[in-house]
N, C-alpha and C. Protein backbone atom coordinates (compact mmCIF):
# COMPACT_ATOMS: atom_id res chain seq x y z
N UNK A 1 23.08 -28.69 -10.59
CA UNK A 1 22.07 -27.88 -11.49
C UNK A 1 21.47 -28.91 -12.58
N UNK A 2 20.25 -28.44 -12.94
CA UNK A 2 19.67 -29.53 -13.77
C UNK A 2 20.34 -29.26 -15.16
N UNK A 3 20.77 -30.35 -15.80
CA UNK A 3 21.69 -30.27 -17.08
C UNK A 3 20.90 -29.94 -18.12
N UNK A 4 19.64 -30.25 -18.54
CA UNK A 4 18.97 -29.68 -19.70
C UNK A 4 18.57 -28.17 -19.63
N UNK A 5 18.62 -27.56 -18.23
CA UNK A 5 18.38 -26.16 -18.23
C UNK A 5 19.73 -25.56 -18.51
N UNK A 6 20.87 -26.38 -18.13
CA UNK A 6 22.26 -25.73 -18.42
C UNK A 6 22.38 -25.47 -19.80
N UNK A 7 21.88 -26.31 -20.47
CA UNK A 7 22.10 -26.37 -22.12
C UNK A 7 21.18 -25.52 -22.66
N UNK A 8 20.00 -25.29 -21.98
CA UNK A 8 19.06 -24.29 -22.77
C UNK A 8 19.58 -22.92 -22.24
N UNK A 9 20.22 -22.63 -21.28
CA UNK A 9 20.61 -21.23 -20.94
C UNK A 9 22.03 -20.97 -21.58
N UNK A 10 22.84 -21.99 -21.87
CA UNK A 10 24.04 -21.46 -22.27
C UNK A 10 25.20 -21.88 -21.41
N UNK A 11 24.94 -22.53 -20.33
CA UNK A 11 26.20 -22.98 -19.53
C UNK A 11 25.88 -22.89 -18.00
N UNK A 12 26.55 -23.49 -17.11
CA UNK A 12 26.28 -23.51 -15.85
C UNK A 12 26.28 -22.27 -15.32
N UNK A 13 27.13 -21.39 -15.72
CA UNK A 13 27.21 -19.94 -15.07
C UNK A 13 25.92 -19.22 -14.95
N UNK A 14 25.39 -19.29 -16.26
CA UNK A 14 24.24 -18.70 -16.54
C UNK A 14 23.12 -19.29 -16.03
N UNK A 15 23.03 -20.54 -15.60
CA UNK A 15 21.87 -21.38 -14.79
C UNK A 15 21.99 -20.95 -13.56
N UNK A 16 23.31 -20.75 -12.95
CA UNK A 16 23.41 -20.40 -11.36
C UNK A 16 22.84 -18.81 -11.31
N UNK A 17 23.43 -18.14 -12.31
CA UNK A 17 22.99 -16.52 -12.18
C UNK A 17 21.39 -16.60 -12.10
N UNK A 18 20.60 -17.30 -13.01
CA UNK A 18 19.35 -17.20 -13.04
C UNK A 18 18.67 -17.81 -11.69
N UNK A 19 19.23 -18.80 -11.18
CA UNK A 19 18.83 -19.39 -10.12
C UNK A 19 19.04 -18.37 -8.87
N UNK A 20 20.03 -17.73 -8.73
CA UNK A 20 20.34 -16.82 -7.81
C UNK A 20 19.21 -15.48 -7.93
N UNK A 21 18.96 -14.94 -9.20
CA UNK A 21 18.00 -14.01 -9.31
C UNK A 21 16.52 -14.62 -8.91
N UNK A 22 16.22 -15.86 -9.24
CA UNK A 22 14.93 -16.37 -9.04
C UNK A 22 14.70 -16.46 -7.44
N UNK A 23 15.70 -16.80 -6.56
CA UNK A 23 15.92 -16.65 -5.11
C UNK A 23 15.79 -15.44 -4.62
N UNK A 24 16.29 -14.57 -5.12
CA UNK A 24 16.26 -13.18 -4.40
C UNK A 24 14.76 -12.54 -4.94
N UNK A 25 14.12 -12.94 -6.12
CA UNK A 25 12.78 -12.51 -6.26
C UNK A 25 11.80 -13.13 -5.26
N UNK A 26 12.21 -14.41 -5.01
CA UNK A 26 11.40 -15.18 -3.84
C UNK A 26 11.34 -14.60 -2.59
N UNK A 27 12.58 -14.11 -2.13
CA UNK A 27 12.84 -13.58 -0.81
C UNK A 27 12.08 -12.19 -0.81
N UNK A 28 12.11 -11.48 -2.11
CA UNK A 28 11.53 -10.14 -2.10
C UNK A 28 9.81 -10.43 -1.95
N UNK A 29 9.43 -11.17 -2.77
CA UNK A 29 8.05 -11.46 -2.64
C UNK A 29 7.52 -12.14 -1.19
N UNK A 30 8.35 -12.85 -0.64
CA UNK A 30 7.97 -13.29 0.87
C UNK A 30 8.06 -12.12 1.79
N UNK A 31 8.85 -11.14 1.46
CA UNK A 31 8.97 -9.82 2.46
C UNK A 31 7.70 -9.10 2.44
N UNK A 32 7.41 -8.95 0.99
CA UNK A 32 5.81 -8.30 0.73
C UNK A 32 4.67 -8.88 1.25
N UNK A 33 4.73 -10.48 1.12
CA UNK A 33 3.85 -10.99 1.84
C UNK A 33 3.43 -10.75 3.33
N UNK A 34 4.64 -10.52 3.82
CA UNK A 34 4.46 -10.43 5.27
C UNK A 34 3.90 -8.74 5.60
N UNK A 35 4.72 -7.78 4.93
CA UNK A 35 4.67 -6.43 5.11
C UNK A 35 3.03 -5.99 4.85
N UNK A 36 2.43 -6.59 3.75
CA UNK A 36 1.14 -5.96 3.52
C UNK A 36 0.17 -6.37 4.35
N UNK A 37 0.02 -7.56 5.01
CA UNK A 37 -0.77 -7.80 6.07
C UNK A 37 -0.61 -6.96 7.32
N UNK A 38 0.68 -6.87 7.70
CA UNK A 38 1.07 -6.00 8.83
C UNK A 38 0.83 -4.70 8.77
N UNK A 39 0.85 -4.17 7.68
CA UNK A 39 0.28 -2.78 7.46
C UNK A 39 -1.35 -2.54 7.66
N UNK A 40 -1.98 -3.74 6.93
CA UNK A 40 -3.33 -3.65 6.90
C UNK A 40 -3.97 -3.72 8.32
N UNK A 41 -3.15 -4.71 9.21
CA UNK A 41 -3.75 -4.83 10.68
C UNK A 41 -3.38 -3.62 11.24
N UNK A 42 -2.33 -2.82 11.13
CA UNK A 42 -2.00 -1.70 11.97
C UNK A 42 -2.60 -0.42 11.34
N UNK A 43 -3.00 -0.12 10.02
CA UNK A 43 -3.42 1.19 9.59
C UNK A 43 -4.77 1.04 8.87
N UNK A 44 -5.33 0.03 8.43
CA UNK A 44 -6.48 -0.27 7.63
C UNK A 44 -7.49 0.13 8.67
N UNK A 45 -8.32 1.37 7.81
CA UNK A 45 -9.50 1.96 8.82
C UNK A 45 -10.60 0.71 8.92
N UNK A 46 -10.68 -0.25 8.07
CA UNK A 46 -11.75 -1.29 8.09
C UNK A 46 -11.24 -2.09 9.38
N UNK A 47 -10.03 -2.30 9.41
CA UNK A 47 -9.61 -3.44 10.47
C UNK A 47 -9.78 -2.77 11.87
N UNK A 48 -9.32 -1.61 11.79
CA UNK A 48 -8.99 -0.69 13.08
C UNK A 48 -10.62 -0.70 13.50
N UNK A 49 -11.56 -0.45 12.68
CA UNK A 49 -12.72 0.03 13.08
C UNK A 49 -13.58 -1.31 13.47
N UNK A 50 -13.19 -2.49 13.01
CA UNK A 50 -13.91 -3.74 13.06
C UNK A 50 -13.22 -4.69 14.21
N UNK A 51 -12.29 -4.08 14.93
CA UNK A 51 -11.51 -5.33 15.55
C UNK A 51 -11.11 -4.61 16.93
N UNK A 52 -11.00 -4.98 17.90
CA UNK A 52 -10.23 -4.55 19.17
C UNK A 52 -8.87 -4.59 19.23
N UNK A 53 -8.23 -3.64 19.84
CA UNK A 53 -6.92 -3.58 20.20
C UNK A 53 -6.28 -4.80 20.54
N UNK A 54 -6.76 -5.82 21.29
CA UNK A 54 -6.25 -7.08 21.71
C UNK A 54 -6.26 -7.92 20.21
N UNK A 55 -7.25 -7.97 19.61
CA UNK A 55 -7.30 -8.90 18.54
C UNK A 55 -6.14 -8.44 17.34
N UNK A 56 -5.96 -6.96 17.28
CA UNK A 56 -4.88 -6.78 16.27
C UNK A 56 -3.49 -7.03 16.86
N UNK A 57 -3.47 -7.00 18.26
CA UNK A 57 -2.10 -7.48 18.68
C UNK A 57 -1.93 -8.85 18.50
N UNK A 58 -2.99 -9.62 18.97
CA UNK A 58 -3.07 -11.11 18.34
C UNK A 58 -2.52 -11.51 16.88
N UNK A 59 -3.27 -10.93 16.17
CA UNK A 59 -2.83 -11.08 14.55
C UNK A 59 -1.58 -10.38 14.11
N UNK A 60 -1.06 -9.39 14.87
CA UNK A 60 0.22 -9.15 14.55
C UNK A 60 1.40 -10.23 15.14
N UNK A 61 0.83 -10.70 16.45
CA UNK A 61 1.78 -11.57 17.07
C UNK A 61 1.97 -12.77 16.06
N UNK A 62 0.86 -13.34 15.62
CA UNK A 62 0.81 -14.47 14.80
C UNK A 62 1.57 -14.24 13.57
N UNK A 63 1.31 -13.09 13.02
CA UNK A 63 2.22 -12.79 11.73
C UNK A 63 3.47 -12.76 12.24
N UNK A 64 3.95 -12.43 13.19
CA UNK A 64 5.34 -12.24 13.44
C UNK A 64 6.11 -13.36 13.75
N UNK A 65 5.25 -14.23 14.41
CA UNK A 65 5.60 -15.69 14.94
C UNK A 65 5.99 -16.56 13.57
N UNK A 66 4.99 -16.48 12.45
CA UNK A 66 5.34 -17.03 11.14
C UNK A 66 6.35 -16.58 10.59
N UNK A 67 6.68 -15.06 10.57
CA UNK A 67 7.83 -14.50 10.14
C UNK A 67 9.11 -14.90 10.35
N UNK A 68 9.20 -15.17 11.79
CA UNK A 68 10.42 -15.67 12.57
C UNK A 68 10.73 -17.39 12.13
N UNK A 69 9.51 -17.98 11.91
CA UNK A 69 9.55 -19.25 11.37
C UNK A 69 10.18 -19.39 9.92
N UNK A 70 9.66 -18.69 9.15
CA UNK A 70 10.31 -18.43 7.89
C UNK A 70 11.49 -17.93 7.97
N UNK A 71 11.88 -17.02 8.42
CA UNK A 71 13.27 -16.28 8.67
C UNK A 71 14.36 -17.43 9.02
N UNK A 72 13.90 -18.19 9.83
CA UNK A 72 14.71 -19.30 10.41
C UNK A 72 15.30 -20.11 9.08
N UNK A 73 14.52 -20.39 7.98
CA UNK A 73 14.65 -21.15 7.01
C UNK A 73 15.53 -20.44 5.79
N UNK A 74 15.76 -19.09 5.90
CA UNK A 74 16.34 -18.34 4.84
C UNK A 74 17.73 -18.83 4.95
N UNK A 75 18.29 -18.95 3.71
CA UNK A 75 19.73 -19.30 3.71
C UNK A 75 20.69 -18.38 2.67
N UNK A 76 20.78 -16.96 3.45
CA UNK A 76 21.52 -16.04 2.42
C UNK A 76 22.86 -16.59 1.93
N UNK A 77 23.38 -17.58 2.78
CA UNK A 77 24.67 -17.98 2.21
C UNK A 77 24.71 -18.70 1.05
N UNK A 78 23.37 -19.21 0.30
CA UNK A 78 23.38 -19.78 -0.80
C UNK A 78 23.41 -18.56 -1.87
N UNK A 79 23.36 -17.44 -1.68
CA UNK A 79 23.29 -16.32 -2.61
C UNK A 79 24.54 -15.81 -2.50
N UNK A 80 25.78 -16.38 -1.93
CA UNK A 80 27.03 -15.88 -1.86
C UNK A 80 27.54 -14.73 -1.20
N UNK A 81 26.37 -14.38 -0.01
CA UNK A 81 26.55 -13.46 0.86
C UNK A 81 27.21 -14.14 2.01
N UNK A 82 28.35 -13.33 2.68
CA UNK A 82 28.82 -13.99 3.80
C UNK A 82 28.53 -12.81 4.94
N UNK A 83 27.80 -13.72 6.06
CA UNK A 83 27.35 -13.14 7.03
C UNK A 83 27.82 -13.39 8.33
């Protein structure tokens, strides 16, 4: 851990707790970053009206592929979760 941050927060335990909270917040934000365009592609009247079914399938496939790539980098073990 970053030593000045530990002093600022009042110890290593508090710094690690803040880091864990920050990581969970990042994973939550990342989830919404993928869910929002997926919902827009599937149910937005504008997207449905201005694109073909094949285009929407390609957009969802690209989004899904990028999600799988990011998911491969997620390390839940760093949060103290045993899988």
